[in-house]
Amino acid sequence: MITPYSISALILAYLCGSIPTAVWIGMAFYGVDVREYGSGNAGATNTFRVLGKKAGIPVMLIDILKGWTATNLAYFIGTSVTGGPHSNYISYQLALGIAAVMGHLFPVFAGFRGGKGIATLFGMVLAVNTSAALLCIIVFVIVLMITRYVSLSSIMGGFTYLTGVTFFYNKYTNDLIVIFGMCICLLILVTHQKNIERLLKGKESKVNLFKRKKVTNQA
């Protein structure tokens, strides 16, 4: 049901997602706009690549919080707007989360030049299906520790979510969540096209998990 409250919530979710964490932290503490280095994206992955874990971890956590907070705006709006039935409520959660992801991709506060939305997308997943999201974390961390490729870890985490909601946590989900999982995989493939190309060529940058990396340009 479309109401002034639901429209306002969607706008608020978009604005929440638009907070350019990587840009603001990079400029405030390092005097660096991460969009001018590395892959040119204003996200956690490029922040890890350009500035190291001391900057990358806060950016990642805040970006996750953006997605989680925006999605959970549904709790504050209540069933009078979401329509009451659980399926309608889930639909509205997804709509709010997607608005936040779009805000991260095209942030109004940073000239519409954002990141790839993976951390914000994960925050959305965490709010919708916590169990499946935790499985994604485990896979992400394992792949990252083995390969040190954040991009590959994100891709594997995204496909793990679809696998989880389809086979392991389907008792707590519905067809809409499975379709959403498919959309996540498609979005990840689209936004990581260049990363996939570099991975196949062996040219993808690895994250240094233990030291601050010097700022360098990546073609």
N, C-alpha and C. Protein backbone atom coordinates (compact mmCIF):
# COMPACT_ATOMS: atom_id res chain seq x y z
N MET A 1 0.84 -1.19 0.00
CA MET A 1 0.00 0.00 0.00
C MET A 1 0.89 1.25 0.00
N ILE A 2 0.67 2.12 -0.98
CA ILE A 2 1.46 3.34 -1.10
C ILE A 2 0.81 4.45 -0.28
N THR A 3 1.55 4.99 0.66
CA THR A 3 1.08 6.07 1.52
C THR A 3 2.19 7.10 1.66
N PRO A 4 1.88 8.28 2.16
CA PRO A 4 2.95 9.26 2.41
C PRO A 4 4.03 8.72 3.34
N TYR A 5 3.63 7.85 4.30
CA TYR A 5 4.60 7.29 5.23
C TYR A 5 5.56 6.33 4.51
N SER A 6 5.01 5.50 3.63
CA SER A 6 5.86 4.54 2.92
C SER A 6 6.80 5.26 1.96
N ILE A 7 6.31 6.28 1.28
CA ILE A 7 7.17 7.05 0.37
C ILE A 7 8.27 7.75 1.14
N SER A 8 7.91 8.32 2.29
CA SER A 8 8.90 9.00 3.13
C SER A 8 9.97 8.02 3.60
N ALA A 9 9.53 6.81 3.95
CA ALA A 9 10.48 5.79 4.41
C ALA A 9 11.44 5.39 3.31
N LEU A 10 10.94 5.27 2.10
CA LEU A 10 11.80 4.92 0.96
C LEU A 10 12.83 6.01 0.69
N ILE A 11 12.39 7.26 0.79
CA ILE A 11 13.32 8.38 0.60
C ILE A 11 14.38 8.38 1.69
N LEU A 12 13.94 8.15 2.93
CA LEU A 12 14.87 8.10 4.06
C LEU A 12 15.86 6.95 3.89
N ALA A 13 15.38 5.80 3.41
CA ALA A 13 16.25 4.65 3.18
C ALA A 13 17.30 4.99 2.12
N TYR A 14 16.88 5.66 1.06
CA TYR A 14 17.82 6.07 0.02
C TYR A 14 18.87 7.03 0.57
N LEU A 15 18.45 8.00 1.36
CA LEU A 15 19.38 8.97 1.95
C LEU A 15 20.35 8.30 2.90
N CYS A 16 19.85 7.31 3.63
CA CYS A 16 20.72 6.54 4.53
C CYS A 16 21.79 5.82 3.73
N GLY A 17 21.38 5.19 2.64
CA GLY A 17 22.34 4.50 1.79
C GLY A 17 23.29 5.45 1.10
N SER A 18 22.89 6.71 0.91
CA SER A 18 23.70 7.70 0.21
C SER A 18 24.86 8.24 1.02
N ILE A 19 24.91 7.94 2.30
CA ILE A 19 26.02 8.42 3.13
C ILE A 19 27.32 7.84 2.57
N PRO A 20 28.21 8.67 2.02
CA PRO A 20 29.42 8.17 1.36
C PRO A 20 30.54 7.90 2.36
N THR A 21 30.40 6.83 3.09
CA THR A 21 31.32 6.52 4.18
C THR A 21 32.78 6.51 3.73
N ALA A 22 33.05 5.83 2.63
CA ALA A 22 34.44 5.72 2.16
C ALA A 22 35.02 7.09 1.82
N VAL A 23 34.22 7.92 1.18
CA VAL A 23 34.70 9.25 0.78
C VAL A 23 34.95 10.11 2.01
N TRP A 24 33.99 10.14 2.92
CA TRP A 24 34.12 11.00 4.09
C TRP A 24 35.26 10.56 5.01
N ILE A 25 35.37 9.27 5.27
CA ILE A 25 36.46 8.78 6.13
C ILE A 25 37.81 8.99 5.45
N GLY A 26 37.88 8.71 4.17
CA GLY A 26 39.13 8.91 3.44
C GLY A 26 39.59 10.36 3.45
N MET A 27 38.65 11.28 3.24
CA MET A 27 38.99 12.70 3.22
C MET A 27 39.30 13.23 4.61
N ALA A 28 38.52 12.80 5.61
CA ALA A 28 38.66 13.34 6.96
C ALA A 28 39.94 12.88 7.65
N PHE A 29 40.33 11.62 7.46
CA PHE A 29 41.45 11.07 8.22
C PHE A 29 42.71 10.85 7.38
N TYR A 30 42.57 10.83 6.06
CA TYR A 30 43.73 10.55 5.22
C TYR A 30 43.95 11.62 4.14
N GLY A 31 42.99 12.52 3.99
CA GLY A 31 43.10 13.51 2.94
C GLY A 31 43.06 12.90 1.55
N VAL A 32 42.37 11.77 1.42
CA VAL A 32 42.34 11.02 0.17
C VAL A 32 40.89 10.74 -0.23
N ASP A 33 40.58 11.03 -1.47
CA ASP A 33 39.30 10.63 -2.04
C ASP A 33 39.54 9.28 -2.72
N VAL A 34 39.04 8.20 -2.12
CA VAL A 34 39.35 6.87 -2.61
C VAL A 34 38.87 6.65 -4.05
N ARG A 35 37.96 7.49 -4.51
CA ARG A 35 37.47 7.36 -5.89
C ARG A 35 38.52 7.75 -6.92
N GLU A 36 39.57 8.40 -6.46
CA GLU A 36 40.64 8.81 -7.37
C GLU A 36 41.78 7.78 -7.42
N TYR A 37 41.63 6.68 -6.70
CA TYR A 37 42.68 5.67 -6.65
C TYR A 37 42.07 4.28 -6.77
N GLY A 38 42.94 3.30 -6.93
CA GLY A 38 42.48 1.92 -7.00
C GLY A 38 41.49 1.71 -8.12
N SER A 39 40.35 1.10 -7.79
CA SER A 39 39.31 0.81 -8.78
C SER A 39 38.42 2.01 -9.05
N GLY A 40 38.53 3.06 -8.22
CA GLY A 40 37.71 4.25 -8.41
C GLY A 40 36.35 4.18 -7.76
N ASN A 41 36.08 3.12 -6.99
CA ASN A 41 34.79 2.96 -6.34
C ASN A 41 34.83 3.48 -4.91
N ALA A 42 33.71 4.06 -4.47
CA ALA A 42 33.62 4.58 -3.11
C ALA A 42 32.97 3.54 -2.21
N GLY A 43 33.69 2.45 -1.99
CA GLY A 43 33.16 1.37 -1.17
C GLY A 43 34.22 0.78 -0.27
N ALA A 44 33.81 -0.21 0.51
CA ALA A 44 34.72 -0.83 1.46
C ALA A 44 35.87 -1.55 0.77
N THR A 45 35.58 -2.25 -0.33
CA THR A 45 36.63 -3.00 -1.02
C THR A 45 37.76 -2.09 -1.47
N ASN A 46 37.43 -0.99 -2.11
CA ASN A 46 38.46 -0.08 -2.59
C ASN A 46 39.15 0.64 -1.44
N THR A 47 38.43 0.87 -0.35
CA THR A 47 39.05 1.49 0.82
C THR A 47 40.10 0.56 1.42
N PHE A 48 39.77 -0.73 1.51
CA PHE A 48 40.77 -1.71 1.97
C PHE A 48 41.98 -1.69 1.04
N ARG A 49 41.72 -1.65 -0.26
CA ARG A 49 42.79 -1.70 -1.24
C ARG A 49 43.69 -0.47 -1.17
N VAL A 50 43.08 0.71 -0.99
CA VAL A 50 43.82 1.96 -1.06
C VAL A 50 44.40 2.38 0.29
N LEU A 51 43.60 2.28 1.34
CA LEU A 51 44.01 2.82 2.64
C LEU A 51 44.30 1.77 3.71
N GLY A 52 43.95 0.51 3.44
CA GLY A 52 44.24 -0.53 4.40
C GLY A 52 43.10 -0.80 5.36
N LYS A 53 43.32 -1.73 6.29
CA LYS A 53 42.24 -2.22 7.14
C LYS A 53 41.77 -1.19 8.17
N LYS A 54 42.64 -0.28 8.62
CA LYS A 54 42.22 0.70 9.62
C LYS A 54 41.14 1.62 9.08
N ALA A 55 41.14 1.85 7.81
CA ALA A 55 40.07 2.63 7.18
C ALA A 55 38.99 1.71 6.62
N GLY A 56 39.40 0.57 6.09
CA GLY A 56 38.46 -0.33 5.44
C GLY A 56 37.44 -0.94 6.38
N ILE A 57 37.88 -1.33 7.58
CA ILE A 57 36.96 -1.96 8.52
C ILE A 57 35.84 -1.02 8.96
N PRO A 58 36.14 0.23 9.38
CA PRO A 58 35.04 1.15 9.74
C PRO A 58 34.10 1.42 8.57
N VAL A 59 34.66 1.58 7.37
CA VAL A 59 33.81 1.82 6.20
C VAL A 59 32.88 0.64 5.97
N MET A 60 33.42 -0.57 6.05
CA MET A 60 32.61 -1.76 5.84
C MET A 60 31.49 -1.88 6.87
N LEU A 61 31.84 -1.66 8.14
CA LEU A 61 30.84 -1.80 9.21
C LEU A 61 29.74 -0.75 9.09
N ILE A 62 30.12 0.47 8.78
CA ILE A 62 29.11 1.53 8.64
C ILE A 62 28.23 1.28 7.42
N ASP A 63 28.83 0.82 6.33
CA ASP A 63 28.04 0.52 5.14
C ASP A 63 27.06 -0.62 5.39
N ILE A 64 27.49 -1.62 6.16
CA ILE A 64 26.58 -2.69 6.55
C ILE A 64 25.44 -2.13 7.39
N LEU A 65 25.79 -1.25 8.33
CA LEU A 65 24.79 -0.64 9.20
C LEU A 65 23.78 0.16 8.39
N LYS A 66 24.22 0.81 7.33
CA LYS A 66 23.31 1.57 6.48
C LYS A 66 22.21 0.67 5.92
N GLY A 67 22.61 -0.47 5.37
CA GLY A 67 21.62 -1.39 4.81
C GLY A 67 20.72 -1.98 5.86
N TRP A 68 21.29 -2.34 7.00
CA TRP A 68 20.50 -2.94 8.09
C TRP A 68 19.49 -1.94 8.64
N THR A 69 19.93 -0.71 8.86
CA THR A 69 19.05 0.32 9.41
C THR A 69 17.91 0.66 8.45
N ALA A 70 18.25 0.84 7.19
CA ALA A 70 17.23 1.19 6.20
C ALA A 70 16.18 0.09 6.08
N THR A 71 16.61 -1.15 6.04
CA THR A 71 15.68 -2.27 5.91
C THR A 71 14.77 -2.38 7.12
N ASN A 72 15.32 -2.10 8.29
CA ASN A 72 14.54 -2.22 9.52
C ASN A 72 13.64 -1.01 9.79
N LEU A 73 13.63 -0.05 8.87
CA LEU A 73 12.65 1.04 8.99
C LEU A 73 11.23 0.49 8.95
N ALA A 74 11.08 -0.71 8.36
CA ALA A 74 9.77 -1.35 8.30
C ALA A 74 9.20 -1.57 9.69
N TYR A 75 10.06 -1.82 10.68
CA TYR A 75 9.60 -2.02 12.05
C TYR A 75 8.95 -0.77 12.62
N PHE A 76 9.49 0.38 12.26
CA PHE A 76 8.98 1.63 12.80
C PHE A 76 7.71 2.10 12.10
N ILE A 77 7.54 1.65 10.86
CA ILE A 77 6.35 2.04 10.12
C ILE A 77 5.14 1.22 10.54
N GLY A 78 5.36 -0.09 10.77
CA GLY A 78 4.29 -0.93 11.28
C GLY A 78 3.45 -1.57 10.20
N THR A 79 2.60 -2.50 10.61
CA THR A 79 1.78 -3.28 9.68
C THR A 79 0.67 -2.46 9.04
N SER A 80 0.35 -1.29 9.58
CA SER A 80 -0.69 -0.48 8.97
C SER A 80 -0.27 0.00 7.59
N VAL A 81 1.05 0.12 7.38
CA VAL A 81 1.58 0.53 6.08
C VAL A 81 1.99 -0.68 5.26
N THR A 82 2.66 -1.66 5.90
CA THR A 82 3.16 -2.81 5.17
C THR A 82 2.05 -3.77 4.78
N GLY A 83 0.89 -3.64 5.38
CA GLY A 83 -0.24 -4.45 4.94
C GLY A 83 -0.58 -5.61 5.82
N GLY A 84 0.18 -5.85 6.88
CA GLY A 84 -0.18 -6.90 7.82
C GLY A 84 0.44 -8.25 7.53
N PRO A 85 0.09 -8.94 6.43
CA PRO A 85 0.63 -10.26 6.16
C PRO A 85 2.15 -10.26 6.07
N HIS A 86 2.74 -11.38 6.48
CA HIS A 86 4.20 -11.48 6.53
C HIS A 86 4.83 -11.24 5.16
N SER A 87 4.22 -11.78 4.11
CA SER A 87 4.77 -11.63 2.78
C SER A 87 4.83 -10.16 2.36
N ASN A 88 3.80 -9.39 2.72
CA ASN A 88 3.80 -7.96 2.41
C ASN A 88 4.89 -7.23 3.20
N TYR A 89 5.07 -7.65 4.43
CA TYR A 89 6.08 -7.04 5.29
C TYR A 89 7.47 -7.28 4.71
N ILE A 90 7.73 -8.52 4.29
CA ILE A 90 9.02 -8.86 3.68
C ILE A 90 9.23 -8.03 2.41
N SER A 91 8.17 -7.88 1.63
CA SER A 91 8.26 -7.09 0.39
C SER A 91 8.68 -5.66 0.70
N TYR A 92 8.11 -5.10 1.76
CA TYR A 92 8.44 -3.73 2.10
C TYR A 92 9.86 -3.63 2.64
N GLN A 93 10.29 -4.63 3.40
CA GLN A 93 11.68 -4.65 3.85
C GLN A 93 12.63 -4.65 2.66
N LEU A 94 12.32 -5.48 1.67
CA LEU A 94 13.17 -5.56 0.49
C LEU A 94 13.19 -4.23 -0.26
N ALA A 95 12.04 -3.60 -0.36
CA ALA A 95 11.96 -2.31 -1.05
C ALA A 95 12.83 -1.26 -0.35
N LEU A 96 12.79 -1.23 0.97
CA LEU A 96 13.59 -0.28 1.73
C LEU A 96 15.08 -0.58 1.58
N GLY A 97 15.42 -1.87 1.63
CA GLY A 97 16.82 -2.25 1.48
C GLY A 97 17.35 -1.91 0.11
N ILE A 98 16.55 -2.16 -0.92
CA ILE A 98 16.97 -1.83 -2.28
C ILE A 98 17.17 -0.33 -2.44
N ALA A 99 16.31 0.46 -1.80
CA ALA A 99 16.46 1.91 -1.85
C ALA A 99 17.80 2.33 -1.24
N ALA A 100 18.20 1.66 -0.15
CA ALA A 100 19.48 1.97 0.48
C ALA A 100 20.64 1.58 -0.43
N VAL A 101 20.53 0.43 -1.07
CA VAL A 101 21.59 -0.01 -1.98
C VAL A 101 21.72 0.96 -3.15
N MET A 102 20.59 1.41 -3.68
CA MET A 102 20.63 2.39 -4.77
C MET A 102 21.27 3.69 -4.30
N GLY A 103 21.02 4.04 -3.04
CA GLY A 103 21.66 5.22 -2.48
C GLY A 103 23.16 5.07 -2.42
N HIS A 104 23.62 3.87 -2.08
CA HIS A 104 25.06 3.62 -2.03
C HIS A 104 25.67 3.65 -3.44
N LEU A 105 24.96 3.10 -4.40
CA LEU A 105 25.45 3.09 -5.77
C LEU A 105 25.48 4.49 -6.38
N PHE A 106 24.43 5.27 -6.06
CA PHE A 106 24.29 6.62 -6.62
C PHE A 106 24.00 7.62 -5.50
N PRO A 107 25.01 7.91 -4.67
CA PRO A 107 24.81 8.76 -3.49
C PRO A 107 24.61 10.23 -3.82
N VAL A 108 23.52 10.79 -3.36
CA VAL A 108 23.23 12.20 -3.61
C VAL A 108 24.24 13.10 -2.92
N PHE A 109 24.88 12.61 -1.85
CA PHE A 109 25.83 13.41 -1.09
C PHE A 109 27.24 13.36 -1.67
N ALA A 110 27.45 12.59 -2.73
CA ALA A 110 28.79 12.47 -3.30
C ALA A 110 28.75 12.47 -4.82
N GLY A 111 27.91 13.32 -5.37
CA GLY A 111 27.85 13.47 -6.83
C GLY A 111 27.41 12.23 -7.56
N PHE A 112 26.67 11.36 -6.90
CA PHE A 112 26.13 10.13 -7.49
C PHE A 112 27.23 9.17 -7.95
N ARG A 113 28.43 9.31 -7.36
CA ARG A 113 29.53 8.39 -7.64
C ARG A 113 29.79 7.55 -6.40
N GLY A 114 29.21 6.36 -6.37
CA GLY A 114 29.30 5.53 -5.18
C GLY A 114 30.11 4.27 -5.39
N GLY A 115 29.82 3.28 -4.54
CA GLY A 115 30.52 2.00 -4.62
C GLY A 115 29.67 0.94 -5.28
N LYS A 116 29.98 -0.30 -4.98
CA LYS A 116 29.27 -1.42 -5.60
C LYS A 116 28.12 -1.94 -4.74
N GLY A 117 28.03 -1.45 -3.51
CA GLY A 117 26.87 -1.75 -2.68
C GLY A 117 26.89 -3.08 -1.98
N ILE A 118 28.01 -3.80 -1.96
CA ILE A 118 28.03 -5.13 -1.39
C ILE A 118 27.83 -5.10 0.12
N ALA A 119 28.54 -4.21 0.82
CA ALA A 119 28.39 -4.15 2.27
C ALA A 119 26.98 -3.70 2.66
N THR A 120 26.45 -2.71 1.96
CA THR A 120 25.09 -2.24 2.22
C THR A 120 24.08 -3.33 1.90
N LEU A 121 24.32 -4.06 0.84
CA LEU A 121 23.46 -5.18 0.46
C LEU A 121 23.50 -6.26 1.54
N PHE A 122 24.69 -6.49 2.10
CA PHE A 122 24.80 -7.48 3.17
C PHE A 122 24.01 -7.05 4.40
N GLY A 123 24.05 -5.75 4.72
CA GLY A 123 23.26 -5.25 5.85
C GLY A 123 21.79 -5.49 5.64
N MET A 124 21.35 -5.34 4.40
CA MET A 124 19.95 -5.63 4.05
C MET A 124 19.65 -7.10 4.25
N VAL A 125 20.54 -7.98 3.78
CA VAL A 125 20.36 -9.42 3.93
C VAL A 125 20.33 -9.81 5.41
N LEU A 126 21.20 -9.17 6.19
CA LEU A 126 21.27 -9.45 7.62
C LEU A 126 19.94 -9.14 8.31
N ALA A 127 19.27 -8.09 7.87
CA ALA A 127 17.99 -7.72 8.45
C ALA A 127 16.87 -8.65 8.02
N VAL A 128 16.94 -9.14 6.78
CA VAL A 128 15.86 -9.98 6.24
C VAL A 128 15.99 -11.43 6.69
N ASN A 129 17.20 -11.97 6.65
CA ASN A 129 17.42 -13.38 6.99
C ASN A 129 18.77 -13.51 7.67
N THR A 130 18.78 -13.40 8.99
CA THR A 130 20.03 -13.37 9.76
C THR A 130 20.82 -14.66 9.62
N SER A 131 20.15 -15.80 9.66
CA SER A 131 20.85 -17.09 9.60
C SER A 131 21.61 -17.25 8.29
N ALA A 132 20.96 -16.95 7.18
CA ALA A 132 21.62 -17.05 5.88
C ALA A 132 22.75 -16.03 5.78
N ALA A 133 22.56 -14.85 6.37
CA ALA A 133 23.59 -13.82 6.33
C ALA A 133 24.84 -14.26 7.08
N LEU A 134 24.67 -14.93 8.20
CA LEU A 134 25.81 -15.42 8.97
C LEU A 134 26.58 -16.47 8.19
N LEU A 135 25.87 -17.29 7.42
CA LEU A 135 26.55 -18.26 6.57
C LEU A 135 27.39 -17.54 5.52
N CYS A 136 26.87 -16.43 5.00
CA CYS A 136 27.61 -15.63 4.02
C CYS A 136 28.89 -15.08 4.63
N ILE A 137 28.81 -14.64 5.89
CA ILE A 137 29.99 -14.11 6.58
C ILE A 137 31.08 -15.16 6.67
N ILE A 138 30.69 -16.37 7.05
CA ILE A 138 31.66 -17.45 7.20
C ILE A 138 32.38 -17.71 5.89
N VAL A 139 31.60 -17.81 4.80
CA VAL A 139 32.19 -18.07 3.49
C VAL A 139 33.08 -16.89 3.07
N PHE A 140 32.60 -15.66 3.27
CA PHE A 140 33.36 -14.47 2.92
C PHE A 140 34.72 -14.47 3.62
N VAL A 141 34.72 -14.70 4.92
CA VAL A 141 35.96 -14.65 5.70
C VAL A 141 36.92 -15.76 5.27
N ILE A 142 36.39 -16.96 5.07
CA ILE A 142 37.25 -18.08 4.65
C ILE A 142 37.91 -17.79 3.31
N VAL A 143 37.12 -17.33 2.34
CA VAL A 143 37.67 -17.04 1.01
C VAL A 143 38.67 -15.89 1.09
N LEU A 144 38.36 -14.87 1.90
CA LEU A 144 39.26 -13.72 2.03
C LEU A 144 40.59 -14.12 2.66
N MET A 145 40.54 -14.96 3.69
CA MET A 145 41.77 -15.39 4.35
C MET A 145 42.62 -16.24 3.43
N ILE A 146 41.97 -17.04 2.57
CA ILE A 146 42.72 -17.92 1.67
C ILE A 146 43.28 -17.16 0.48
N THR A 147 42.46 -16.30 -0.13
CA THR A 147 42.85 -15.66 -1.39
C THR A 147 43.28 -14.21 -1.25
N ARG A 148 42.76 -13.52 -0.23
CA ARG A 148 42.97 -12.08 -0.02
C ARG A 148 42.35 -11.24 -1.12
N TYR A 149 41.40 -11.81 -1.85
CA TYR A 149 40.61 -11.08 -2.85
C TYR A 149 39.26 -10.71 -2.24
N VAL A 150 39.03 -9.43 -1.97
CA VAL A 150 37.74 -9.01 -1.43
C VAL A 150 36.65 -9.22 -2.46
N SER A 151 36.96 -8.95 -3.72
CA SER A 151 35.96 -9.10 -4.78
C SER A 151 35.49 -10.54 -4.89
N LEU A 152 36.41 -11.48 -4.90
CA LEU A 152 36.06 -12.90 -4.98
C LEU A 152 35.28 -13.33 -3.75
N SER A 153 35.68 -12.81 -2.59
CA SER A 153 34.97 -13.13 -1.35
C SER A 153 33.54 -12.63 -1.39
N SER A 154 33.34 -11.43 -1.95
CA SER A 154 31.99 -10.86 -2.07
C SER A 154 31.14 -11.69 -3.03
N ILE A 155 31.72 -12.10 -4.13
CA ILE A 155 30.99 -12.91 -5.10
C ILE A 155 30.56 -14.24 -4.49
N MET A 156 31.49 -14.89 -3.81
CA MET A 156 31.18 -16.18 -3.19
C MET A 156 30.15 -16.03 -2.08
N GLY A 157 30.25 -14.91 -1.32
CA GLY A 157 29.27 -14.65 -0.26
C GLY A 157 27.88 -14.46 -0.83
N GLY A 158 27.77 -13.74 -1.95
CA GLY A 158 26.47 -13.51 -2.57
C GLY A 158 25.83 -14.78 -3.06
N PHE A 159 26.60 -15.64 -3.69
CA PHE A 159 26.05 -16.91 -4.17
C PHE A 159 25.74 -17.86 -3.01
N THR A 160 26.46 -17.70 -1.90
CA THR A 160 26.16 -18.49 -0.71
C THR A 160 24.79 -18.14 -0.16
N TYR A 161 24.41 -16.85 -0.23
CA TYR A 161 23.09 -16.44 0.25
C TYR A 161 21.99 -17.14 -0.54
N LEU A 162 22.11 -17.15 -1.85
CA LEU A 162 21.10 -17.82 -2.67
C LEU A 162 21.03 -19.30 -2.33
N THR A 163 22.18 -19.92 -2.17
CA THR A 163 22.21 -21.34 -1.80
C THR A 163 21.57 -21.57 -0.44
N GLY A 164 21.87 -20.67 0.50
CA GLY A 164 21.34 -20.82 1.85
C GLY A 164 19.83 -20.72 1.91
N VAL A 165 19.26 -19.68 1.27
CA VAL A 165 17.81 -19.49 1.35
C VAL A 165 17.06 -20.52 0.51
N THR A 166 17.75 -21.13 -0.46
CA THR A 166 17.10 -22.12 -1.32
C THR A 166 17.10 -23.51 -0.70
N PHE A 167 18.21 -23.88 -0.07
CA PHE A 167 18.35 -25.27 0.39
C PHE A 167 18.39 -25.43 1.91
N PHE A 168 18.96 -24.46 2.62
CA PHE A 168 19.17 -24.65 4.05
C PHE A 168 18.18 -23.90 4.94
N TYR A 169 17.74 -22.73 4.50
CA TYR A 169 16.86 -21.92 5.34
C TYR A 169 15.51 -21.67 4.68
N ASN A 170 15.12 -22.56 3.74
CA ASN A 170 13.86 -22.34 3.02
C ASN A 170 12.63 -22.45 3.91
N LYS A 171 12.79 -23.02 5.10
CA LYS A 171 11.68 -23.09 6.05
C LYS A 171 11.26 -21.70 6.49
N TYR A 172 12.19 -20.77 6.48
CA TYR A 172 11.94 -19.41 6.98
C TYR A 172 11.81 -18.39 5.85
N THR A 173 11.79 -18.85 4.61
CA THR A 173 11.73 -17.91 3.49
C THR A 173 10.55 -18.24 2.59
N ASN A 174 10.37 -17.44 1.56
CA ASN A 174 9.34 -17.69 0.57
C ASN A 174 9.91 -17.46 -0.82
N ASP A 175 9.08 -17.60 -1.83
CA ASP A 175 9.57 -17.47 -3.20
C ASP A 175 10.18 -16.10 -3.46
N LEU A 176 9.63 -15.07 -2.82
CA LEU A 176 10.13 -13.72 -3.03
C LEU A 176 11.58 -13.60 -2.57
N ILE A 177 11.92 -14.24 -1.45
CA ILE A 177 13.28 -14.20 -0.94
C ILE A 177 14.23 -14.92 -1.89
N VAL A 178 13.78 -16.04 -2.46
CA VAL A 178 14.62 -16.78 -3.40
C VAL A 178 14.87 -15.93 -4.65
N ILE A 179 13.83 -15.27 -5.14
CA ILE A 179 13.99 -14.39 -6.31
C ILE A 179 14.95 -13.25 -5.97
N PHE A 180 14.83 -12.74 -4.76
CA PHE A 180 15.74 -11.70 -4.29
C PHE A 180 17.17 -12.21 -4.29
N GLY A 181 17.37 -13.45 -3.85
CA GLY A 181 18.70 -14.05 -3.85
C GLY A 181 19.27 -14.14 -5.26
N MET A 182 18.42 -14.47 -6.23
CA MET A 182 18.86 -14.51 -7.63
C MET A 182 19.26 -13.12 -8.11
N CYS A 183 18.49 -12.12 -7.69
CA CYS A 183 18.80 -10.74 -8.08
C CYS A 183 20.12 -10.29 -7.48
N ILE A 184 20.42 -10.74 -6.26
CA ILE A 184 21.69 -10.42 -5.62
C ILE A 184 22.84 -10.95 -6.47
N CYS A 185 22.72 -12.22 -6.89
CA CYS A 185 23.77 -12.82 -7.71
C CYS A 185 23.96 -12.05 -9.01
N LEU A 186 22.85 -11.66 -9.63
CA LEU A 186 22.94 -10.91 -10.88
C LEU A 186 23.60 -9.56 -10.67
N LEU A 187 23.20 -8.86 -9.59
CA LEU A 187 23.79 -7.56 -9.28
C LEU A 187 25.29 -7.67 -9.03
N ILE A 188 25.69 -8.69 -8.29
CA ILE A 188 27.10 -8.88 -7.99
C ILE A 188 27.90 -9.14 -9.27
N LEU A 189 27.35 -9.96 -10.15
CA LEU A 189 28.04 -10.25 -11.41
C LEU A 189 28.19 -8.99 -12.27
N VAL A 190 27.13 -8.17 -12.29
CA VAL A 190 27.17 -6.95 -13.10
C VAL A 190 28.17 -5.95 -12.53
N THR A 191 28.10 -5.71 -11.21
CA THR A 191 28.95 -4.70 -10.60
C THR A 191 30.41 -5.16 -10.48
N HIS A 192 30.64 -6.46 -10.55
CA HIS A 192 32.01 -6.98 -10.43
C HIS A 192 32.56 -7.49 -11.76
N GLN A 193 32.00 -7.00 -12.85
CA GLN A 193 32.43 -7.47 -14.16
C GLN A 193 33.93 -7.25 -14.37
N LYS A 194 34.40 -6.05 -14.06
CA LYS A 194 35.82 -5.75 -14.25
C LYS A 194 36.68 -6.57 -13.29
N ASN A 195 36.18 -6.76 -12.06
CA ASN A 195 36.92 -7.58 -11.10
C ASN A 195 37.07 -9.01 -11.60
N ILE A 196 35.98 -9.54 -12.17
CA ILE A 196 36.01 -10.90 -12.69
C ILE A 196 37.02 -11.02 -13.83
N GLU A 197 37.04 -10.00 -14.68
CA GLU A 197 38.00 -10.00 -15.79
C GLU A 197 39.43 -9.99 -15.26
N ARG A 198 39.68 -9.16 -14.22
CA ARG A 198 41.03 -9.11 -13.65
C ARG A 198 41.38 -10.41 -12.93
N LEU A 199 40.40 -11.02 -12.28
CA LEU A 199 40.64 -12.30 -11.61
C LEU A 199 41.05 -13.37 -12.62
N LEU A 200 40.35 -13.41 -13.73
CA LEU A 200 40.64 -14.40 -14.76
C LEU A 200 42.02 -14.18 -15.38
N LYS A 201 42.45 -12.91 -15.41
CA LYS A 201 43.76 -12.58 -15.97
C LYS A 201 44.87 -12.60 -14.92
N GLY A 202 44.48 -12.80 -13.66
CA GLY A 202 45.46 -12.81 -12.58
C GLY A 202 45.98 -11.43 -12.23
N LYS A 203 45.19 -10.39 -12.53
CA LYS A 203 45.63 -9.02 -12.30
C LYS A 203 44.85 -8.32 -11.18
N GLU A 204 43.97 -9.02 -10.51
CA GLU A 204 43.18 -8.41 -9.44
C GLU A 204 44.07 -8.12 -8.23
N SER A 205 43.88 -6.95 -7.61
CA SER A 205 44.68 -6.57 -6.45
C SER A 205 44.24 -7.34 -5.22
N LYS A 206 45.21 -7.76 -4.43
CA LYS A 206 44.92 -8.45 -3.19
C LYS A 206 44.95 -7.45 -2.03
N VAL A 207 44.17 -7.75 -1.00
CA VAL A 207 44.12 -6.88 0.17
C VAL A 207 45.21 -7.30 1.14
N ASN A 208 45.97 -6.32 1.63
CA ASN A 208 46.95 -6.59 2.66
C ASN A 208 46.23 -6.52 4.00
N LEU A 209 46.07 -7.65 4.64
CA LEU A 209 45.28 -7.73 5.87
C LEU A 209 46.05 -7.28 7.11
N PHE A 210 47.31 -7.02 6.97
CA PHE A 210 48.11 -6.75 8.16
C PHE A 210 48.82 -5.40 8.16
N LYS A 211 48.97 -4.78 7.00
CA LYS A 211 49.66 -3.51 6.94
C LYS A 211 48.85 -2.50 6.18
N ARG A 212 49.09 -1.22 6.47
CA ARG A 212 48.45 -0.14 5.72
C ARG A 212 49.13 -0.05 4.37
N LYS A 213 48.33 -0.09 3.33
CA LYS A 213 48.87 -0.04 1.98
C LYS A 213 49.06 1.39 1.50
N LYS A 214 50.15 1.63 0.77
CA LYS A 214 50.38 2.95 0.21
C LYS A 214 49.36 3.23 -0.89
N VAL A 215 49.00 4.48 -1.03
CA VAL A 215 48.03 4.89 -2.04
C VAL A 215 48.66 4.84 -3.42
N THR A 216 48.10 4.00 -4.30
CA THR A 216 48.60 3.88 -5.67
C THR A 216 47.45 3.81 -6.64
N ASN A 217 47.66 4.29 -7.83
CA ASN A 217 46.62 4.21 -8.86
C ASN A 217 46.59 2.84 -9.48
N GLN A 218 45.38 2.39 -9.87
CA GLN A 218 45.22 1.13 -10.58
C GLN A 218 44.49 1.39 -11.88
N ALA A 219 45.07 0.99 -12.95
CA ALA A 219 44.46 1.24 -14.26
C ALA A 219 43.17 0.47 -14.41
